[in-house]
PDB file of N, CA and C in Angstrom:
ATOM      1  N   MET A   1       0.559  -1.108   0.497  1.00  0.00           N
ATOM      2  CA  MET A   1       0.075  -0.047   0.052  1.00  0.00           C
ATOM      3  C   MET A   1       0.619   1.035  -0.027  1.00  0.00           C
ATOM      4  N   GLU A   2       0.095   1.674  -0.690  1.00  0.00           N
ATOM      5  CA  GLU A   2       1.368   3.738  -1.106  1.00  0.00           C
ATOM      6  C   GLU A   2       1.109   4.143   0.596  1.00  0.00           C
ATOM      7  N   ASN A   3       1.533   4.976   0.459  1.00  0.00           N
ATOM      8  CA  ASN A   3       2.396   5.626   1.878  1.00  0.00           C
ATOM      9  C   ASN A   3       1.391   6.944   1.655  1.00  0.00           C
ATOM     10  N   ARG A   4       0.281   7.119   3.159  1.00  0.00           N
ATOM     11  CA  ARG A   4      -0.918   7.887   2.811  1.00  0.00           C
ATOM     12  C   ARG A   4      -0.551   8.885   4.613  1.00  0.00           C
ATOM     13  N   THR A   5      -0.739   9.923   4.254  1.00  0.00           N
ATOM     14  CA  THR A   5      -0.746  10.578   5.264  1.00  0.00           C
ATOM     15  C   THR A   5      -2.115  10.232   5.993  1.00  0.00           C
ATOM     16  N   ILE A   6      -2.021  10.005   7.915  1.00  0.00           N
ATOM     17  CA  ILE A   6      -3.534  10.068   8.786  1.00  0.00           C
ATOM     18  C   ILE A   6      -3.084  11.126   9.518  1.00  0.00           C
ATOM     19  N   LEU A   7      -4.612  11.633   9.321  1.00  0.00           N
ATOM     20  CA  LEU A   7      -5.036  12.844   9.674  1.00  0.00           C
ATOM     21  C   LEU A   7      -6.376  12.107  11.033  1.00  0.00           C
ATOM     22  N   GLY A   8      -6.585  13.257  12.472  1.00  0.00           N
ATOM     23  CA  GLY A   8      -8.019  12.677  13.283  1.00  0.00           C
ATOM     24  C   GLY A   8      -8.703  13.332  12.604  1.00  0.00           C
ATOM     25  N   LEU A   9      -9.660  13.797  13.263  1.00  0.00           N
ATOM     26  CA  LEU A   9     -10.874  14.682  13.068  1.00  0.00           C
ATOM     27  C   LEU A   9     -10.463  16.555  13.518  1.00  0.00           C
ATOM     28  N   THR A  10      -9.302  16.381  13.522  1.00  0.00           N
ATOM     29  CA  THR A  10      -9.578  17.754  13.857  1.00  0.00           C
ATOM     30  C   THR A  10      -7.919  17.857  13.105  1.00  0.00           C
ATOM     31  N   ALA A  11      -7.532  18.989  12.407  1.00  0.00           N
ATOM     32  CA  ALA A  11      -5.742  19.122  12.098  1.00  0.00           C
ATOM     33  C   ALA A  11      -5.641  20.549  12.002  1.00  0.00           C
ATOM     34  N   LYS A  12      -4.759  20.880  12.498  1.00  0.00           N
ATOM     35  CA  LYS A  12      -4.239  22.542  12.479  1.00  0.00           C
ATOM     36  C   LYS A  12      -3.960  22.739  10.845  1.00  0.00           C
ATOM     37  N   VAL A  13      -4.706  23.990  10.023  1.00  0.00           N
ATOM     38  CA  VAL A  13      -3.941  24.285   9.185  1.00  0.00           C
ATOM     39  C   VAL A  13      -3.936  25.011   8.892  1.00  0.00           C
ATOM     40  N   ILE A  14      -3.225  25.537   7.440  1.00  0.00           N
ATOM     41  CA  ILE A  14      -2.936  27.425   7.149  1.00  0.00           C
ATOM     42  C   ILE A  14      -3.394  27.582   6.111  1.00  0.00           C
ATOM     43  N   ILE A  15      -4.140  28.604   6.486  1.00  0.00           N
ATOM     44  CA  ILE A  15      -4.758  29.040   4.940  1.00  0.00           C
ATOM     45  C   ILE A  15      -3.605  30.487   4.047  1.00  0.00           C
ATOM     46  N   PHE A  16      -3.662  30.163   3.161  1.00  0.00           N
ATOM     47  CA  PHE A  16      -2.801  31.325   2.635  1.00  0.00           C
ATOM     48  C   PHE A  16      -3.692  32.291   1.974  1.00  0.00           C
ATOM     49  N   GLY A  17      -4.056  33.534   2.567  1.00  0.00           N
ATOM     50  CA  GLY A  17      -4.790  34.730   1.815  1.00  0.00           C
ATOM     51  C   GLY A  17      -3.777  35.339   0.436  1.00  0.00           C
ATOM     52  N   ASN A  18      -4.471  36.580   0.441  1.00  0.00           N
ATOM     53  CA  ASN A  18      -3.503  37.363  -0.770  1.00  0.00           C
ATOM     54  C   ASN A  18      -2.893  38.571   0.069  1.00  0.00           C
ATOM     55  N   ASN A  19      -1.939  39.141  -0.455  1.00  0.00           N
ATOM     56  CA  ASN A  19      -1.098  39.840   0.245  1.00  0.00           C
ATOM     57  C   ASN A  19       0.166  39.332   1.240  1.00  0.00           C
ATOM     58  N   HIS A  20       0.319  38.048   0.807  1.00  0.00           N
ATOM     59  CA  HIS A  20       0.759  37.328   2.319  1.00  0.00           C
ATOM     60  C   HIS A  20       0.795  37.440   3.516  1.00  0.00           C
ATOM     61  N   ILE A  21      -0.435  37.065   3.239  1.00  0.00           N
ATOM     62  CA  ILE A  21      -1.337  36.812   4.823  1.00  0.00           C
ATOM     63  C   ILE A  21      -1.332  35.503   4.513  1.00  0.00           C
ATOM     64  N   LYS A  22      -1.304  34.905   5.960  1.00  0.00           N
ATOM     65  CA  LYS A  22      -1.181  33.330   5.944  1.00  0.00           C
ATOM     66  C   LYS A  22      -2.295  33.365   7.474  1.00  0.00           C
ATOM     67  N   LYS A  23      -2.722  32.202   8.440  1.00  0.00           N
ATOM     68  CA  LYS A  23      -3.211  32.536   9.487  1.00  0.00           C
ATOM     69  C   LYS A  23      -3.417  30.748   9.482  1.00  0.00           C
ATOM     70  N   GLU A  24      -2.807  30.336  10.977  1.00  0.00           N
ATOM     71  CA  GLU A  24      -3.188  28.754  11.246  1.00  0.00           C
ATOM     72  C   GLU A  24      -4.781  29.137  12.318  1.00  0.00           C
ATOM     73  N   VAL A  25      -5.172  27.637  12.172  1.00  0.00           N
ATOM     74  CA  VAL A  25      -6.583  27.642  12.370  1.00  0.00           C
ATOM     75  C   VAL A  25      -6.894  26.024  13.079  1.00  0.00           C
ATOM     76  N   LEU A  26      -7.491  25.103  13.877  1.00  0.00           N
ATOM     77  CA  LEU A  26      -8.255  24.426  13.798  1.00  0.00           C
ATOM     78  C   LEU A  26      -9.183  23.569  12.784  1.00  0.00           C
ATOM     79  N   ALA A  27      -9.343  22.996  12.151  1.00  0.00           N
ATOM     80  CA  ALA A  27      -9.892  22.800  11.617  1.00  0.00           C
ATOM     81  C   ALA A  27     -10.322  21.171  11.638  1.00  0.00           C
ATOM     82  N   ARG A  28     -11.512  21.426  10.992  1.00  0.00           N
ATOM     83  CA  ARG A  28     -12.970  20.577  11.224  1.00  0.00           C
ATOM     84  C   ARG A  28     -12.373  19.045  10.170  1.00  0.00           C
ATOM     85  N   ILE A  29     -12.384  17.519  10.196  1.00  0.00           N
ATOM     86  CA  ILE A  29     -11.961  17.219   9.029  1.00  0.00           C
ATOM     87  C   ILE A  29     -13.004  16.264   9.012  1.00  0.00           C
ATOM     88  N   ASP A  30     -14.283  16.362   8.000  1.00  0.00           N
ATOM     89  CA  ASP A  30     -15.397  15.695   7.251  1.00  0.00           C
ATOM     90  C   ASP A  30     -15.683  14.943   6.207  1.00  0.00           C
ATOM     91  N   THR A  31     -15.301  13.775   6.927  1.00  0.00           N
ATOM     92  CA  THR A  31     -15.152  12.908   5.172  1.00  0.00           C
ATOM     93  C   THR A  31     -16.724  12.787   4.687  1.00  0.00           C
ATOM     94  N   GLY A  32     -17.229  13.089   5.223  1.00  0.00           N
ATOM     95  CA  GLY A  32     -19.134  13.537   4.539  1.00  0.00           C
ATOM     96  C   GLY A  32     -19.241  14.617   3.810  1.00  0.00           C
ATOM     97  N   ALA A  33     -18.286  15.349   3.673  1.00  0.00           N
ATOM     98  CA  ALA A  33     -18.551  17.172   3.563  1.00  0.00           C
ATOM     99  C   ALA A  33     -17.817  16.938   2.102  1.00  0.00           C
ATOM    100  N   THR A  34     -19.013  17.155   0.626  1.00  0.00           N
ATOM    101  CA  THR A  34     -18.102  17.202  -0.855  1.00  0.00           C
ATOM    102  C   THR A  34     -17.499  17.930  -0.217  1.00  0.00           C
ATOM    103  N   ASN A  35     -17.434  18.978  -0.023  1.00  0.00           N
ATOM    104  CA  ASN A  35     -16.929  20.270  -0.449  1.00  0.00           C
ATOM    105  C   ASN A  35     -16.172  20.707   1.227  1.00  0.00           C
ATOM    106  N   SER A  36     -15.395  21.218   0.691  1.00  0.00           N
ATOM    107  CA  SER A  36     -14.485  21.899   1.865  1.00  0.00           C
ATOM    108  C   SER A  36     -15.274  23.643   2.404  1.00  0.00           C
ATOM    109  N   SER A  37     -15.340  24.239   3.175  1.00  0.00           N
ATOM    110  CA  SER A  37     -15.870  25.480   3.956  1.00  0.00           C
ATOM    111  C   SER A  37     -14.776  26.384   4.702  1.00  0.00           C
ATOM    112  N   ILE A  38     -15.140  27.234   4.254  1.00  0.00           N
ATOM    113  CA  ILE A  38     -14.369  28.690   4.883  1.00  0.00           C
ATOM    114  C   ILE A  38     -14.931  29.241   5.768  1.00  0.00           C
ATOM    115  N   ASP A  39     -15.100  30.126   6.686  1.00  0.00           N
ATOM    116  CA  ASP A  39     -15.744  30.850   7.592  1.00  0.00           C
ATOM    117  C   ASP A  39     -15.903  32.180   6.787  1.00  0.00           C
ATOM    118  N   MET A  40     -16.500  33.434   6.079  1.00  0.00           N
ATOM    119  CA  MET A  40     -16.879  34.238   6.045  1.00  0.00           C
ATOM    120  C   MET A  40     -15.853  35.217   6.188  1.00  0.00           C
ATOM    121  N   SER A  41     -16.042  35.641   8.065  1.00  0.00           N
ATOM    122  CA  SER A  41     -14.805  36.559   8.089  1.00  0.00           C
ATOM    123  C   SER A  41     -13.579  36.079   7.810  1.00  0.00           C
ATOM    124  N   LEU A  42     -13.134  34.764   7.843  1.00  0.00           N
ATOM    125  CA  LEU A  42     -12.050  34.582   7.800  1.00  0.00           C
ATOM    126  C   LEU A  42     -11.381  34.933   6.422  1.00  0.00           C
ATOM    127  N   THR A  43     -12.314  34.693   5.371  1.00  0.00           N
ATOM    128  CA  THR A  43     -12.305  35.504   3.904  1.00  0.00           C
ATOM    129  C   THR A  43     -11.753  36.736   3.927  1.00  0.00           C
ATOM    130  N   GLY A  44     -12.404  37.606   4.716  1.00  0.00           N
ATOM    131  CA  GLY A  44     -12.516  39.238   4.491  1.00  0.00           C
ATOM    132  C   GLY A  44     -11.358  39.079   5.286  1.00  0.00           C
ATOM    133  N   GLU A  45     -10.564  38.734   6.505  1.00  0.00           N
ATOM    134  CA  GLU A  45      -9.093  38.944   7.340  1.00  0.00           C
ATOM    135  C   GLU A  45      -8.114  38.494   6.441  1.00  0.00           C
ATOM    136  N   LEU A  46      -8.616  37.134   5.255  1.00  0.00           N
ATOM    137  CA  LEU A  46      -7.432  36.829   4.360  1.00  0.00           C
ATOM    138  C   LEU A  46      -6.936  37.809   3.113  1.00  0.00           C
ATOM    139  N   GLU A  47      -8.042  38.245   3.377  1.00  0.00           N
ATOM    140  CA  GLU A  47      -8.657  38.896   1.951  1.00  0.00           C
ATOM    141  C   GLU A  47      -8.901  38.100   0.412  1.00  0.00           C
ATOM    142  N   LEU A  48      -9.442  36.634   0.635  1.00  0.00           N
ATOM    143  CA  LEU A  48      -9.693  36.150  -0.028  1.00  0.00           C
ATOM    144  C   LEU A  48     -10.826  35.988  -0.989  1.00  0.00           C
ATOM    145  N   GLY A  49     -10.315  35.563  -2.506  1.00  0.00           N
ATOM    146  CA  GLY A  49     -11.692  36.168  -3.694  1.00  0.00           C
ATOM    147  C   GLY A  49     -10.734  35.350  -4.173  1.00  0.00           C
ATOM    148  N   PRO A  50     -11.072  36.026  -5.612  1.00  0.00           N
ATOM    149  CA  PRO A  50     -12.570  36.499  -6.008  1.00  0.00           C
ATOM    150  C   PRO A  50     -13.286  35.346  -5.645  1.00  0.00           C
ATOM    151  N   ILE A  51     -14.956  35.578  -6.240  1.00  0.00           N
ATOM    152  CA  ILE A  51     -15.867  34.139  -5.940  1.00  0.00           C
ATOM    153  C   ILE A  51     -15.914  34.005  -7.525  1.00  0.00           C
ATOM    154  N   LYS A  52     -16.396  32.277  -7.107  1.00  0.00           N
ATOM    155  CA  LYS A  52     -15.668  31.822  -8.989  1.00  0.00           C
ATOM    156  C   LYS A  52     -17.346  31.783  -9.287  1.00  0.00           C
ATOM    157  N   ARG A  53     -18.057  31.441  -8.748  1.00  0.00           N
ATOM    158  CA  ARG A  53     -18.870  30.862  -8.911  1.00  0.00           C
ATOM    159  C   ARG A  53     -20.024  30.887  -7.888  1.00  0.00           C
ATOM    160  N   THR A  54     -21.940  30.237  -7.746  1.00  0.00           N
ATOM    161  CA  THR A  54     -22.614  29.922  -6.825  1.00  0.00           C
ATOM    162  C   THR A  54     -22.545  28.784  -6.639  1.00  0.00           C
ATOM    163  N   LYS A  55     -23.487  27.965  -5.460  1.00  0.00           N
ATOM    164  CA  LYS A  55     -23.680  26.291  -5.826  1.00  0.00           C
ATOM    165  C   LYS A  55     -24.989  26.422  -4.711  1.00  0.00           C
ATOM    166  N   LEU A  56     -25.626  25.365  -4.459  1.00  0.00           N
ATOM    167  CA  LEU A  56     -26.555  25.270  -3.584  1.00  0.00           C
ATOM    168  C   LEU A  56     -26.016  24.115  -2.554  1.00  0.00           C
ATOM    169  N   VAL A  57     -25.970  24.126  -1.684  1.00  0.00           N
ATOM    170  CA  VAL A  57     -25.630  23.190  -0.838  1.00  0.00           C
ATOM    171  C   VAL A  57     -26.127  23.241   0.586  1.00  0.00           C
ATOM    172  N   LYS A  58     -26.703  21.948   0.533  1.00  0.00           N
ATOM    173  CA  LYS A  58     -27.065  21.185   2.081  1.00  0.00           C
ATOM    174  C   LYS A  58     -26.154  20.578   2.652  1.00  0.00           C
ATOM    175  N   SER A  59     -26.883  21.326   3.814  1.00  0.00           N
ATOM    176  CA  SER A  59     -25.949  21.290   5.352  1.00  0.00           C
ATOM    177  C   SER A  59     -26.614  20.809   6.841  1.00  0.00           C
ATOM    178  N   ALA A  60     -26.315  20.601   7.730  1.00  0.00           N
ATOM    179  CA  ALA A  60     -27.106  20.199   8.508  1.00  0.00           C
ATOM    180  C   ALA A  60     -28.222  21.398   9.027  1.00  0.00           C
ATOM    181  N   SER A  61     -28.060  23.066   8.408  1.00  0.00           N
ATOM    182  CA  SER A  61     -29.424  23.887   9.100  1.00  0.00           C
ATOM    183  C   SER A  61     -29.976  24.203   7.693  1.00  0.00           C
ATOM    184  N   GLY A  62     -30.185  23.283   6.510  1.00  0.00           N
ATOM    185  CA  GLY A  62     -30.702  23.365   5.920  1.00  0.00           C
ATOM    186  C   GLY A  62     -30.005  23.822   4.425  1.00  0.00           C
ATOM    187  N   LYS A  63     -30.918  23.999   3.123  1.00  0.00           N
ATOM    188  CA  LYS A  63     -29.983  24.264   1.779  1.00  0.00           C
ATOM    189  C   LYS A  63     -30.104  26.035   1.858  1.00  0.00           C
ATOM    190  N   ASN A  64     -29.212  26.071   0.920  1.00  0.00           N
ATOM    191  CA  ASN A  64     -28.586  27.530   0.762  1.00  0.00           C
ATOM    192  C   ASN A  64     -27.792  27.379  -0.199  1.00  0.00           C
ATOM    193  N   ARG A  65     -27.787  28.586  -0.944  1.00  0.00           N
ATOM    194  CA  ARG A  65     -27.041  29.182  -1.875  1.00  0.00           C
ATOM    195  C   ARG A  65     -25.506  30.080  -1.329  1.00  0.00           C
ATOM    196  N   ARG A  66     -24.451  29.382  -2.172  1.00  0.00           N
ATOM    197  CA  ARG A  66     -22.661  29.510  -1.102  1.00  0.00           C
ATOM    198  C   ARG A  66     -22.002  30.180  -2.141  1.00  0.00           C
ATOM    199  N   ALA A  67     -21.383  31.050  -1.553  1.00  0.00           N
ATOM    200  CA  ALA A  67     -20.266  31.704  -2.478  1.00  0.00           C
ATOM    201  C   ALA A  67     -19.205  30.808  -2.939  1.00  0.00           C
ATOM    202  N   ILE A  68     -18.753  30.195  -3.824  1.00  0.00           N
ATOM    203  CA  ILE A  68     -17.427  29.498  -3.644  1.00  0.00           C
ATOM    204  C   ILE A  68     -15.936  30.453  -4.345  1.00  0.00           C
ATOM    205  N   ILE A  69     -14.695  30.112  -3.703  1.00  0.00           N
ATOM    206  CA  ILE A  69     -13.724  30.908  -3.987  1.00  0.00           C
ATOM    207  C   ILE A  69     -12.362  29.910  -3.642  1.00  0.00           C
ATOM    208  N   ALA A  70     -11.452  30.063  -4.411  1.00  0.00           N
ATOM    209  CA  ALA A  70     -10.718  29.516  -4.959  1.00  0.00           C
ATOM    210  C   ALA A  70      -9.333  29.561  -3.281  1.00  0.00           C
ATOM    211  N   VAL A  71      -9.192  28.237  -2.145  1.00  0.00           N
ATOM    212  CA  VAL A  71      -8.299  28.577  -1.445  1.00  0.00           C
ATOM    213  C   VAL A  71      -6.918  27.927  -1.733  1.00  0.00           C
ATOM    214  N   LYS A  72      -6.156  28.419  -0.683  1.00  0.00           N
ATOM    215  CA  LYS A  72      -4.575  27.011  -0.976  1.00  0.00           C
ATOM    216  C   LYS A  72      -4.909  27.478   1.226  1.00  0.00           C
ATOM    217  N   VAL A  73      -4.135  26.047   1.004  1.00  0.00           N
ATOM    218  CA  VAL A  73      -4.414  25.295   2.176  1.00  0.00           C
ATOM    219  C   VAL A  73      -2.750  24.741   2.564  1.00  0.00           C
ATOM    220  N   LYS A  74      -2.265  24.661   3.414  1.00  0.00           N
ATOM    221  CA  LYS A  74      -1.167  23.748   4.141  1.00  0.00           C
ATOM    222  C   LYS A  74      -1.513  22.854   5.367  1.00  0.00           C
ATOM    223  N   LEU A  75      -1.795  21.567   5.178  1.00  0.00           N
ATOM    224  CA  LEU A  75      -2.852  20.404   5.600  1.00  0.00           C
ATOM    225  C   LEU A  75      -1.075  19.482   5.715  1.00  0.00           C
ATOM    226  N   ASP A  76      -0.906  19.384   6.806  1.00  0.00           N
ATOM    227  CA  ASP A  76       0.457  18.193   7.558  1.00  0.00           C
ATOM    228  C   ASP A  76       1.186  18.857   6.964  1.00  0.00           C
ATOM    229  N   GLY A  77       2.178  19.742   6.323  1.00  0.00           N
ATOM    230  CA  GLY A  77       2.965  19.862   5.081  1.00  0.00           C
ATOM    231  C   GLY A  77       3.092  19.797   3.679  1.00  0.00           C
ATOM    232  N   LYS A  78       1.662  19.340   2.804  1.00  0.00           N
ATOM    233  CA  LYS A  78       1.244  19.487   1.873  1.00  0.00           C
ATOM    234  C   LYS A  78       0.670  21.042   1.916  1.00  0.00           C
ATOM    235  N   GLU A  79       0.762  21.369   0.437  1.00  0.00           N
ATOM    236  CA  GLU A  79      -0.543  22.703  -0.125  1.00  0.00           C
ATOM    237  C   GLU A  79      -0.988  22.019  -0.959  1.00  0.00           C
ATOM    238  N   LEU A  80      -2.082  22.506  -1.173  1.00  0.00           N
ATOM    239  CA  LEU A  80      -3.210  22.069  -1.493  1.00  0.00           C
ATOM    240  C   LEU A  80      -3.999  23.502  -1.823  1.00  0.00           C
ATOM    241  N   GLU A  81      -4.571  23.688  -3.111  1.00  0.00           N
ATOM    242  CA  GLU A  81      -5.488  24.265  -3.510  1.00  0.00           C
ATOM    243  C   GLU A  81      -7.212  23.724  -4.454  1.00  0.00           C
ATOM    244  N   ASP A  82      -7.892  24.190  -3.709  1.00  0.00           N
ATOM    245  CA  ASP A  82      -8.958  23.688  -4.096  1.00  0.00           C
ATOM    246  C   ASP A  82      -9.982  24.708  -3.752  1.00  0.00           C
ATOM    247  N   ASP A  83     -11.836  24.122  -4.268  1.00  0.00           N
ATOM    248  CA  ASP A  83     -12.750  25.363  -3.981  1.00  0.00           C
ATOM    249  C   ASP A  83     -13.032  24.916  -2.167  1.00  0.00           C
ATOM    250  N   PHE A  84     -14.209  25.695  -2.134  1.00  0.00           N
ATOM    251  CA  PHE A  84     -13.931  26.090  -0.862  1.00  0.00           C
ATOM    252  C   PHE A  84     -15.595  26.737  -0.885  1.00  0.00           C
ATOM    253  N   THR A  85     -16.641  26.528  -0.100  1.00  0.00           N
ATOM    254  CA  THR A  85     -17.767  27.090  -0.185  1.00  0.00           C
ATOM    255  C   THR A  85     -17.458  28.249   1.206  1.00  0.00           C
ATOM    256  N   ILE A  86     -17.862  29.798   0.782  1.00  0.00           N
ATOM    257  CA  ILE A  86     -17.580  30.289   1.894  1.00  0.00           C
ATOM    258  C   ILE A  86     -18.742  30.474   2.856  1.00  0.00           C
ATOM    259  N   ALA A  87     -18.795  30.489   4.077  1.00  0.00           N
ATOM    260  CA  ALA A  87     -20.052  29.832   5.320  1.00  0.00           C
ATOM    261  C   ALA A  87     -20.313  30.618   6.667  1.00  0.00           C
ATOM    262  N   GLU A  88     -20.952  30.963   6.953  1.00  0.00           N
ATOM    263  CA  GLU A  88     -21.336  31.665   7.858  1.00  0.00           C
ATOM    264  C   GLU A  88     -21.172  30.774   9.049  1.00  0.00           C
ATOM    265  N   ARG A  89     -20.148  30.083   9.675  1.00  0.00           N
ATOM    266  CA  ARG A  89     -19.586  29.237  10.577  1.00  0.00           C
ATOM    267  C   ARG A  89     -19.027  29.638  11.930  1.00  0.00           C
ATOM    268  N   LYS A  90     -19.303  31.145  12.466  1.00  0.00           N
ATOM    269  CA  LYS A  90     -19.024  32.261  13.577  1.00  0.00           C
ATOM    270  C   LYS A  90     -19.685  31.013  14.886  1.00  0.00           C
ATOM    271  N   HIS A  91     -20.895  30.521  15.081  1.00  0.00           N
ATOM    272  CA  HIS A  91     -21.440  30.428  15.956  1.00  0.00           C
ATOM    273  C   HIS A  91     -20.920  28.727  15.697  1.00  0.00           C
ATOM    274  N   MET A  92     -19.955  28.386  14.840  1.00  0.00           N
ATOM    275  CA  MET A  92     -19.154  26.908  15.223  1.00  0.00           C
ATOM    276  C   MET A  92     -18.152  26.815  15.704  1.00  0.00           C
ATOM    277  N   THR A  93     -18.031  25.539  16.458  1.00  0.00           N
ATOM    278  CA  THR A  93     -16.741  25.577  17.054  1.00  0.00           C
ATOM    279  C   THR A  93     -15.090  26.372  16.231  1.00  0.00           C
ATOM    280  N   TYR A  94     -15.513  25.329  15.064  1.00  0.00           N
ATOM    281  CA  TYR A  94     -14.154  25.343  13.580  1.00  0.00           C
ATOM    282  C   TYR A  94     -14.925  26.141  12.767  1.00  0.00           C
ATOM    283  N   PRO A  95     -13.791  27.316  12.295  1.00  0.00           N
ATOM    284  CA  PRO A  95     -13.378  28.214  11.067  1.00  0.00           C
ATOM    285  C   PRO A  95     -13.615  27.317  10.108  1.00  0.00           C
ATOM    286  N   VAL A  96     -13.509  26.354   9.858  1.00  0.00           N
ATOM    287  CA  VAL A  96     -12.436  25.445   8.550  1.00  0.00           C
ATOM    288  C   VAL A  96     -12.834  24.599   8.497  1.00  0.00           C
ATOM    289  N   LEU A  97     -13.810  23.390   7.312  1.00  0.00           N
ATOM    290  CA  LEU A  97     -14.029  22.088   6.816  1.00  0.00           C
ATOM    291  C   LEU A  97     -13.279  21.832   6.357  1.00  0.00           C
ATOM    292  N   ILE A  98     -12.710  21.018   6.740  1.00  0.00           N
ATOM    293  CA  ILE A  98     -12.108  19.954   5.297  1.00  0.00           C
ATOM    294  C   ILE A  98     -12.656  18.951   5.054  1.00  0.00           C
ATOM    295  N   GLY A  99     -13.481  18.885   3.355  1.00  0.00           N
ATOM    296  CA  GLY A  99     -14.136  17.684   3.045  1.00  0.00           C
ATOM    297  C   GLY A  99     -13.199  17.142   2.301  1.00  0.00           C
ATOM    298  N   GLN A 100     -13.537  16.296   1.307  1.00  0.00           N
ATOM    299  CA  GLN A 100     -13.413  15.450   0.874  1.00  0.00           C
ATOM    300  C   GLN A 100     -12.836  15.672   0.002  1.00  0.00           C
ATOM    301  N   ASN A 101     -12.996  17.077  -1.008  1.00  0.00           N
ATOM    302  CA  ASN A 101     -12.544  17.453  -1.979  1.00  0.00           C
ATOM    303  C   ASN A 101     -10.892  17.788  -1.958  1.00  0.00           C
ATOM    304  N   ILE A 102     -10.558  18.212  -0.487  1.00  0.00           N
ATOM    305  CA  ILE A 102      -9.312  18.220  -0.001  1.00  0.00           C
ATOM    306  C   ILE A 102      -8.696  17.121  -0.116  1.00  0.00           C
ATOM    307  N   LEU A 103      -9.113  16.546   0.786  1.00  0.00           N
ATOM    308  CA  LEU A 103      -8.762  14.789   1.543  1.00  0.00           C
ATOM    309  C   LEU A 103      -7.793  14.119   0.299  1.00  0.00           C
ATOM    310  N   LYS A 104      -8.995  14.113  -0.552  1.00  0.00           N
ATOM    311  CA  LYS A 104      -8.622  12.807  -1.273  1.00  0.00           C
ATOM    312  C   LYS A 104      -7.196  13.761  -2.376  1.00  0.00           C
ATOM    313  N   LYS A 105      -7.575  14.377  -2.436  1.00  0.00           N
ATOM    314  CA  LYS A 105      -6.432  15.531  -3.252  1.00  0.00           C
ATOM    315  C   LYS A 105      -4.898  15.749  -2.294  1.00  0.00           C
ATOM    316  N   GLY A 106      -4.991  15.122  -0.895  1.00  0.00           N
ATOM    317  CA  GLY A 106      -3.573  14.758  -0.664  1.00  0.00           C
ATOM    318  C   GLY A 106      -3.396  14.152  -0.324  1.00  0.00           C
ATOM    319  N   ASN A 107      -4.502  13.250  -0.062  1.00  0.00           N
ATOM    320  CA  ASN A 107      -4.286  11.838  -0.562  1.00  0.00           C
ATOM    321  C   ASN A 107      -4.274  11.010   1.020  1.00  0.00           C
ATOM    322  N   PHE A 108      -5.616  11.709   1.693  1.00  0.00           N
ATOM    323  CA  PHE A 108      -5.077  11.302   3.214  1.00  0.00           C
ATOM    324  C   PHE A 108      -6.012  10.098   3.857  1.00  0.00           C
ATOM    325  N   LEU A 109      -5.726   9.673   4.830  1.00  0.00           N
ATOM    326  CA  LEU A 109      -7.057   8.817   5.358  1.00  0.00           C
ATOM    327  C   LEU A 109      -7.156   9.575   6.929  1.00  0.00           C
ATOM    328  N   ILE A 110      -8.096   9.070   7.680  1.00  0.00           N
ATOM    329  CA  ILE A 110      -8.605   9.520   8.529  1.00  0.00           C
ATOM    330  C   ILE A 110      -8.833   8.520   8.887  1.00  0.00           C
ATOM    331  N   ASP A 111      -8.289   8.706  10.368  1.00  0.00           N
ATOM    332  CA  ASP A 111      -8.192   7.728  11.733  1.00  0.00           C
ATOM    333  C   ASP A 111      -8.495   8.402  12.964  1.00  0.00           C
ATOM    334  N   PRO A 112      -9.983   8.399  12.978  1.00  0.00           N
ATOM    335  CA  PRO A 112     -10.643   9.235  14.301  1.00  0.00           C
ATOM    336  C   PRO A 112      -9.858   9.014  15.402  1.00  0.00           C
ATOM    337  N   ASN A 113      -9.351   8.046  16.193  1.00  0.00           N
ATOM    338  CA  ASN A 113      -8.285   7.841  17.337  1.00  0.00           C
ATOM    339  C   ASN A 113      -7.100   8.443  17.311  1.00  0.00           C
ATOM    340  N   LYS A 114      -6.650   9.581  16.284  1.00  0.00           N
ATOM    341  CA  LYS A 114      -5.429   9.775  16.289  1.00  0.00           C
ATOM    342  C   LYS A 114      -5.916  11.856  16.823  1.00  0.00           C
TER     343      LYS A 114
END
């Protein structure tokens, strides 16, 4: 079997913004989420954008239309870039949710015990 990086249910991730801004945050790893998501206030703080398109997203809070932007992250030493939906995550514990799109790209395995 190929050498794959194992992540737990949370991980520190560095978000690269515009103008050489970057920030490390604790992200939730969610294998059930098709796409990754980032908090709206974090997108402003890091000057992320532009919006590429919008998408209808089904979540625990129902269906809504979300803007999509390209975000570059560093997760366990791997720099990856893919689409993230922008969501209001202030009321949630984690400002970033890492979904299947990033997990597949980085060839990660998830161990809930880690």
